[in-house]
Amino acid sequence: MKRLVIIIFSLFFVQSAIASQGQDLNQTMKNMGHAYKQAMEATEAQEINRHLDTMLSLLQQSKQHHFKTDVKAESLQGLDKVAGVINEAQSLLAQKQIQQAKHLLKEVDVLRKDYHKLHEPPGFWELLFGK
């Protein structure tokens, strides 16, 4: 009986740690979305760059999270693509091409939608019958 209690508590703590990591990633992504929105609303190249630097920092934090094995490679690939778009936008901003940079940054939202599909929770029927 004592072993059963220990096993149950162990499973509870493991599950709590996994849920906490998911929440951390979720919060990081929300912060990234906020920085993206601020960058798109900004009018000065320097201000946009500041928000893009924040996004790059948050991207690096996101890469440290533990992704599910079946989507890890694709998730990291998506984060790299977003970083590439941000770097291109920063190059445009260095040349004072603000509108072109903002137009390019719209790709970030497209990538977000594509890669967030990987992390959607399974639906009822998928839980019931599998994939």
N, C-alpha and C. Protein backbone atom coordinates (compact mmCIF):
# COMPACT_ATOMS: atom_id res chain seq x y z
N MET A 1 0.82 -1.19 0.00
CA MET A 1 0.00 0.00 0.00
C MET A 1 0.87 1.26 0.00
N LYS A 2 1.93 1.20 0.79
CA LYS A 2 2.83 2.34 0.88
C LYS A 2 3.47 2.63 -0.48
N ARG A 3 3.82 1.59 -1.22
CA ARG A 3 4.41 1.76 -2.55
C ARG A 3 3.41 2.41 -3.51
N LEU A 4 2.17 2.00 -3.40
CA LEU A 4 1.14 2.56 -4.26
C LEU A 4 0.99 4.06 -4.02
N VAL A 5 1.01 4.48 -2.78
CA VAL A 5 0.90 5.89 -2.43
C VAL A 5 2.11 6.65 -2.99
N ILE A 6 3.30 6.08 -2.87
CA ILE A 6 4.50 6.72 -3.39
C ILE A 6 4.43 6.85 -4.90
N ILE A 7 3.97 5.81 -5.57
CA ILE A 7 3.83 5.84 -7.03
C ILE A 7 2.83 6.91 -7.46
N ILE A 8 1.72 6.99 -6.77
CA ILE A 8 0.69 7.97 -7.11
C ILE A 8 1.23 9.38 -6.93
N PHE A 9 1.92 9.64 -5.80
CA PHE A 9 2.50 10.97 -5.59
C PHE A 9 3.56 11.28 -6.64
N SER A 10 4.36 10.29 -7.01
CA SER A 10 5.38 10.50 -8.03
C SER A 10 4.75 10.88 -9.36
N LEU A 11 3.71 10.17 -9.74
CA LEU A 11 3.01 10.47 -10.99
C LEU A 11 2.39 11.86 -10.95
N PHE A 12 1.86 12.22 -9.80
CA PHE A 12 1.26 13.54 -9.65
C PHE A 12 2.29 14.63 -9.87
N PHE A 13 3.47 14.48 -9.27
CA PHE A 13 4.52 15.49 -9.41
C PHE A 13 5.05 15.55 -10.83
N VAL A 14 5.20 14.42 -11.49
CA VAL A 14 5.65 14.40 -12.88
C VAL A 14 4.63 15.11 -13.76
N GLN A 15 3.35 14.80 -13.54
CA GLN A 15 2.29 15.42 -14.32
C GLN A 15 2.26 16.93 -14.06
N SER A 16 2.46 17.35 -12.82
CA SER A 16 2.48 18.77 -12.49
C SER A 16 3.64 19.47 -13.17
N ALA A 17 4.80 18.82 -13.21
CA ALA A 17 5.97 19.42 -13.86
C ALA A 17 5.72 19.57 -15.35
N ILE A 18 5.14 18.57 -15.99
CA ILE A 18 4.85 18.64 -17.42
C ILE A 18 3.83 19.75 -17.70
N ALA A 19 2.79 19.83 -16.89
CA ALA A 19 1.78 20.88 -17.07
C ALA A 19 2.39 22.26 -16.88
N SER A 20 3.29 22.38 -15.91
CA SER A 20 3.96 23.66 -15.67
C SER A 20 4.79 24.09 -16.87
N GLN A 21 5.50 23.14 -17.48
CA GLN A 21 6.29 23.46 -18.66
C GLN A 21 5.40 23.94 -19.80
N GLY A 22 4.26 23.29 -19.98
CA GLY A 22 3.33 23.71 -21.02
C GLY A 22 2.80 25.10 -20.78
N GLN A 23 2.52 25.41 -19.51
CA GLN A 23 2.05 26.75 -19.17
C GLN A 23 3.14 27.78 -19.39
N ASP A 24 4.40 27.42 -19.07
CA ASP A 24 5.51 28.34 -19.30
C ASP A 24 5.63 28.66 -20.78
N LEU A 25 5.55 27.65 -21.62
CA LEU A 25 5.63 27.86 -23.06
C LEU A 25 4.46 28.72 -23.53
N ASN A 26 3.29 28.44 -23.00
CA ASN A 26 2.10 29.21 -23.36
C ASN A 26 2.30 30.69 -22.99
N GLN A 27 2.83 30.95 -21.79
CA GLN A 27 3.06 32.34 -21.37
C GLN A 27 4.12 33.00 -22.24
N THR A 28 5.17 32.26 -22.58
CA THR A 28 6.21 32.80 -23.45
C THR A 28 5.63 33.18 -24.80
N MET A 29 4.77 32.31 -25.34
CA MET A 29 4.16 32.58 -26.64
C MET A 29 3.21 33.78 -26.56
N LYS A 30 2.51 33.92 -25.44
CA LYS A 30 1.64 35.10 -25.27
C LYS A 30 2.48 36.37 -25.23
N ASN A 31 3.60 36.32 -24.54
CA ASN A 31 4.50 37.48 -24.47
C ASN A 31 5.05 37.80 -25.86
N MET A 32 5.35 36.76 -26.64
CA MET A 32 5.84 36.97 -27.99
C MET A 32 4.76 37.61 -28.86
N GLY A 33 3.54 37.16 -28.70
CA GLY A 33 2.42 37.75 -29.44
C GLY A 33 2.24 39.22 -29.09
N HIS A 34 2.42 39.53 -27.82
CA HIS A 34 2.30 40.93 -27.39
C HIS A 34 3.41 41.79 -28.01
N ALA A 35 4.64 41.26 -28.01
CA ALA A 35 5.76 41.99 -28.61
C ALA A 35 5.53 42.17 -30.11
N TYR A 36 4.97 41.14 -30.76
CA TYR A 36 4.66 41.23 -32.20
C TYR A 36 3.64 42.35 -32.45
N LYS A 37 2.60 42.36 -31.64
CA LYS A 37 1.56 43.38 -31.80
C LYS A 37 2.15 44.78 -31.60
N GLN A 38 3.02 44.94 -30.61
CA GLN A 38 3.65 46.23 -30.37
C GLN A 38 4.55 46.63 -31.54
N ALA A 39 5.26 45.66 -32.09
CA ALA A 39 6.13 45.96 -33.24
C ALA A 39 5.29 46.42 -34.43
N MET A 40 4.16 45.77 -34.64
CA MET A 40 3.31 46.13 -35.78
C MET A 40 2.64 47.49 -35.59
N GLU A 41 2.43 47.89 -34.35
CA GLU A 41 1.81 49.19 -34.07
C GLU A 41 2.82 50.33 -34.02
N ALA A 42 4.09 50.01 -33.83
CA ALA A 42 5.13 51.03 -33.70
C ALA A 42 5.35 51.73 -35.05
N THR A 43 5.83 52.96 -34.97
CA THR A 43 6.04 53.75 -36.19
C THR A 43 7.51 54.07 -36.44
N GLU A 44 8.35 53.93 -35.44
CA GLU A 44 9.77 54.25 -35.57
C GLU A 44 10.57 52.95 -35.68
N ALA A 45 11.56 52.94 -36.56
CA ALA A 45 12.38 51.75 -36.77
C ALA A 45 13.04 51.27 -35.48
N GLN A 46 13.53 52.20 -34.68
CA GLN A 46 14.20 51.84 -33.44
C GLN A 46 13.24 51.14 -32.47
N GLU A 47 12.03 51.62 -32.39
CA GLU A 47 11.03 51.03 -31.51
C GLU A 47 10.63 49.64 -32.01
N ILE A 48 10.45 49.51 -33.30
CA ILE A 48 10.12 48.20 -33.88
C ILE A 48 11.24 47.21 -33.59
N ASN A 49 12.47 47.65 -33.79
CA ASN A 49 13.63 46.80 -33.52
C ASN A 49 13.68 46.33 -32.08
N ARG A 50 13.33 47.21 -31.16
CA ARG A 50 13.32 46.84 -29.74
C ARG A 50 12.34 45.69 -29.48
N HIS A 51 11.18 45.78 -30.09
CA HIS A 51 10.17 44.72 -29.92
C HIS A 51 10.61 43.43 -30.62
N LEU A 52 11.27 43.57 -31.75
CA LEU A 52 11.76 42.39 -32.46
C LEU A 52 12.88 41.72 -31.67
N ASP A 53 13.72 42.50 -31.01
CA ASP A 53 14.74 41.92 -30.14
C ASP A 53 14.10 41.14 -28.99
N THR A 54 13.02 41.68 -28.45
CA THR A 54 12.27 40.97 -27.41
C THR A 54 11.75 39.64 -27.95
N MET A 55 11.21 39.67 -29.16
CA MET A 55 10.70 38.45 -29.77
C MET A 55 11.82 37.42 -29.95
N LEU A 56 12.98 37.87 -30.41
CA LEU A 56 14.10 36.93 -30.59
C LEU A 56 14.53 36.32 -29.27
N SER A 57 14.52 37.11 -28.21
CA SER A 57 14.86 36.60 -26.88
C SER A 57 13.84 35.56 -26.43
N LEU A 58 12.57 35.86 -26.65
CA LEU A 58 11.51 34.91 -26.29
C LEU A 58 11.58 33.64 -27.14
N LEU A 59 11.98 33.77 -28.40
CA LEU A 59 12.17 32.60 -29.25
C LEU A 59 13.23 31.68 -28.68
N GLN A 60 14.32 32.27 -28.20
CA GLN A 60 15.39 31.46 -27.61
C GLN A 60 14.89 30.76 -26.35
N GLN A 61 14.09 31.45 -25.56
CA GLN A 61 13.50 30.81 -24.37
C GLN A 61 12.60 29.66 -24.78
N SER A 62 11.83 29.85 -25.83
CA SER A 62 10.90 28.82 -26.30
C SER A 62 11.63 27.56 -26.73
N LYS A 63 12.79 27.73 -27.32
CA LYS A 63 13.57 26.57 -27.77
C LYS A 63 14.04 25.70 -26.61
N GLN A 64 14.08 26.26 -25.41
CA GLN A 64 14.53 25.52 -24.23
C GLN A 64 13.43 24.65 -23.63
N HIS A 65 12.20 24.88 -24.03
CA HIS A 65 11.08 24.10 -23.49
C HIS A 65 11.12 22.68 -24.05
N HIS A 66 10.52 21.78 -23.31
CA HIS A 66 10.47 20.38 -23.73
C HIS A 66 9.20 20.16 -24.53
N PHE A 67 9.38 19.99 -25.84
CA PHE A 67 8.25 19.73 -26.73
C PHE A 67 7.95 18.24 -26.75
N LYS A 68 6.73 17.90 -27.09
CA LYS A 68 6.40 16.49 -27.29
C LYS A 68 7.30 15.95 -28.39
N THR A 69 7.76 14.74 -28.22
CA THR A 69 8.72 14.13 -29.14
C THR A 69 8.22 14.15 -30.58
N ASP A 70 6.94 13.88 -30.79
CA ASP A 70 6.42 13.77 -32.15
C ASP A 70 6.32 15.10 -32.89
N VAL A 71 6.42 16.22 -32.17
CA VAL A 71 6.34 17.53 -32.82
C VAL A 71 7.56 18.41 -32.54
N LYS A 72 8.54 17.87 -31.85
CA LYS A 72 9.69 18.69 -31.46
C LYS A 72 10.43 19.26 -32.66
N ALA A 73 10.77 18.41 -33.62
CA ALA A 73 11.55 18.88 -34.79
C ALA A 73 10.78 19.95 -35.56
N GLU A 74 9.49 19.71 -35.78
CA GLU A 74 8.68 20.69 -36.52
C GLU A 74 8.53 21.99 -35.73
N SER A 75 8.39 21.89 -34.41
CA SER A 75 8.25 23.08 -33.58
C SER A 75 9.51 23.94 -33.63
N LEU A 76 10.66 23.29 -33.50
CA LEU A 76 11.93 24.02 -33.56
C LEU A 76 12.14 24.63 -34.95
N GLN A 77 11.72 23.90 -35.97
CA GLN A 77 11.82 24.42 -37.34
C GLN A 77 10.97 25.68 -37.48
N GLY A 78 9.78 25.66 -36.93
CA GLY A 78 8.90 26.83 -36.98
C GLY A 78 9.51 28.03 -36.26
N LEU A 79 10.11 27.78 -35.09
CA LEU A 79 10.75 28.87 -34.35
C LEU A 79 11.92 29.44 -35.15
N ASP A 80 12.66 28.57 -35.82
CA ASP A 80 13.78 29.05 -36.67
C ASP A 80 13.27 29.88 -37.84
N LYS A 81 12.14 29.47 -38.42
CA LYS A 81 11.58 30.25 -39.53
C LYS A 81 11.16 31.64 -39.06
N VAL A 82 10.54 31.70 -37.88
CA VAL A 82 10.13 33.00 -37.33
C VAL A 82 11.37 33.87 -37.09
N ALA A 83 12.41 33.28 -36.53
CA ALA A 83 13.65 34.04 -36.29
C ALA A 83 14.22 34.55 -37.61
N GLY A 84 14.15 33.75 -38.65
CA GLY A 84 14.63 34.19 -39.97
C GLY A 84 13.86 35.38 -40.50
N VAL A 85 12.55 35.34 -40.34
CA VAL A 85 11.71 36.47 -40.79
C VAL A 85 12.06 37.72 -39.99
N ILE A 86 12.23 37.57 -38.69
CA ILE A 86 12.56 38.72 -37.84
C ILE A 86 13.91 39.30 -38.25
N ASN A 87 14.88 38.44 -38.50
CA ASN A 87 16.20 38.93 -38.92
C ASN A 87 16.13 39.67 -40.24
N GLU A 88 15.33 39.17 -41.18
CA GLU A 88 15.15 39.87 -42.47
C GLU A 88 14.49 41.23 -42.25
N ALA A 89 13.49 41.26 -41.37
CA ALA A 89 12.79 42.51 -41.08
C ALA A 89 13.75 43.51 -40.45
N GLN A 90 14.62 43.05 -39.58
CA GLN A 90 15.58 43.95 -38.96
C GLN A 90 16.56 44.51 -39.99
N SER A 91 16.89 43.71 -40.98
CA SER A 91 17.75 44.21 -42.06
C SER A 91 17.06 45.32 -42.83
N LEU A 92 15.78 45.13 -43.08
CA LEU A 92 15.01 46.17 -43.77
C LEU A 92 14.91 47.44 -42.92
N LEU A 93 14.73 47.24 -41.62
CA LEU A 93 14.64 48.39 -40.72
C LEU A 93 15.96 49.17 -40.67
N ALA A 94 17.07 48.47 -40.78
CA ALA A 94 18.38 49.14 -40.80
C ALA A 94 18.50 50.05 -42.01
N GLN A 95 17.75 49.72 -43.06
CA GLN A 95 17.74 50.55 -44.27
C GLN A 95 16.56 51.53 -44.27
N LYS A 96 15.89 51.64 -43.11
CA LYS A 96 14.75 52.55 -42.92
C LYS A 96 13.56 52.19 -43.81
N GLN A 97 13.42 50.94 -44.15
CA GLN A 97 12.29 50.46 -44.95
C GLN A 97 11.23 49.88 -44.01
N ILE A 98 10.58 50.75 -43.29
CA ILE A 98 9.65 50.35 -42.24
C ILE A 98 8.44 49.60 -42.80
N GLN A 99 7.82 50.12 -43.84
CA GLN A 99 6.62 49.46 -44.38
C GLN A 99 6.94 48.08 -44.95
N GLN A 100 8.08 47.95 -45.62
CA GLN A 100 8.47 46.65 -46.16
C GLN A 100 8.74 45.66 -45.03
N ALA A 101 9.35 46.14 -43.96
CA ALA A 101 9.62 45.28 -42.80
C ALA A 101 8.32 44.80 -42.17
N LYS A 102 7.36 45.72 -42.01
CA LYS A 102 6.07 45.34 -41.43
C LYS A 102 5.32 44.36 -42.34
N HIS A 103 5.43 44.58 -43.63
CA HIS A 103 4.79 43.65 -44.57
C HIS A 103 5.41 42.25 -44.42
N LEU A 104 6.70 42.18 -44.31
CA LEU A 104 7.39 40.92 -44.14
C LEU A 104 7.00 40.27 -42.81
N LEU A 105 6.84 41.06 -41.78
CA LEU A 105 6.49 40.53 -40.46
C LEU A 105 5.12 39.86 -40.43
N LYS A 106 4.29 40.15 -41.40
CA LYS A 106 2.98 39.48 -41.45
C LYS A 106 3.15 37.97 -41.64
N GLU A 107 4.31 37.55 -42.17
CA GLU A 107 4.60 36.12 -42.30
C GLU A 107 4.67 35.44 -40.94
N VAL A 108 5.06 36.19 -39.92
CA VAL A 108 5.14 35.62 -38.57
C VAL A 108 3.76 35.13 -38.14
N ASP A 109 2.73 35.89 -38.43
CA ASP A 109 1.38 35.49 -38.04
C ASP A 109 0.95 34.24 -38.80
N VAL A 110 1.32 34.14 -40.07
CA VAL A 110 1.00 32.95 -40.86
C VAL A 110 1.72 31.73 -40.27
N LEU A 111 2.98 31.89 -39.94
CA LEU A 111 3.75 30.80 -39.34
C LEU A 111 3.15 30.41 -37.99
N ARG A 112 2.74 31.39 -37.22
CA ARG A 112 2.13 31.11 -35.91
C ARG A 112 0.92 30.20 -36.06
N LYS A 113 0.06 30.55 -37.02
CA LYS A 113 -1.14 29.75 -37.23
C LYS A 113 -0.79 28.33 -37.67
N ASP A 114 0.18 28.21 -38.57
CA ASP A 114 0.57 26.88 -39.06
C ASP A 114 1.15 26.01 -37.95
N TYR A 115 2.05 26.57 -37.17
CA TYR A 115 2.75 25.77 -36.18
C TYR A 115 1.96 25.58 -34.88
N HIS A 116 1.02 26.45 -34.60
CA HIS A 116 0.19 26.25 -33.41
C HIS A 116 -0.73 25.04 -33.58
N LYS A 117 -1.02 24.69 -34.82
CA LYS A 117 -1.86 23.51 -35.07
C LYS A 117 -1.20 22.25 -34.52
N LEU A 118 0.13 22.24 -34.47
CA LEU A 118 0.85 21.08 -33.94
C LEU A 118 0.59 20.86 -32.46
N HIS A 119 0.23 21.92 -31.75
CA HIS A 119 0.10 21.85 -30.30
C HIS A 119 -1.33 21.93 -29.80
N GLU A 120 -2.27 21.85 -30.72
CA GLU A 120 -3.66 21.88 -30.30
C GLU A 120 -3.97 20.59 -29.54
N PRO A 121 -4.77 20.68 -28.49
CA PRO A 121 -5.12 19.46 -27.76
C PRO A 121 -6.00 18.57 -28.64
N PRO A 122 -5.94 17.27 -28.41
CA PRO A 122 -6.75 16.36 -29.21
C PRO A 122 -8.24 16.58 -28.96
N GLY A 123 -9.01 16.37 -30.00
CA GLY A 123 -10.46 16.49 -29.88
C GLY A 123 -11.06 15.26 -29.22
N PHE A 124 -12.33 15.34 -28.92
CA PHE A 124 -13.04 14.25 -28.24
C PHE A 124 -12.91 12.94 -29.01
N TRP A 125 -13.17 12.97 -30.32
CA TRP A 125 -13.16 11.75 -31.10
C TRP A 125 -11.75 11.18 -31.24
N GLU A 126 -10.78 12.07 -31.29
CA GLU A 126 -9.39 11.62 -31.36
C GLU A 126 -8.99 10.94 -30.05
N LEU A 127 -9.45 11.47 -28.93
CA LEU A 127 -9.18 10.83 -27.65
C LEU A 127 -9.86 9.47 -27.56
N LEU A 128 -11.06 9.41 -28.10
CA LEU A 128 -11.84 8.18 -28.00
C LEU A 128 -11.31 7.09 -28.93
N PHE A 129 -10.99 7.45 -30.18
CA PHE A 129 -10.61 6.45 -31.17
C PHE A 129 -9.15 6.51 -31.61
N GLY A 130 -8.41 7.53 -31.18
CA GLY A 130 -7.02 7.67 -31.62
C GLY A 130 -6.98 8.39 -32.96
N LYS A 131 -5.77 8.51 -33.48
CA LYS A 131 -5.61 9.25 -34.73
C LYS A 131 -6.04 8.46 -35.90
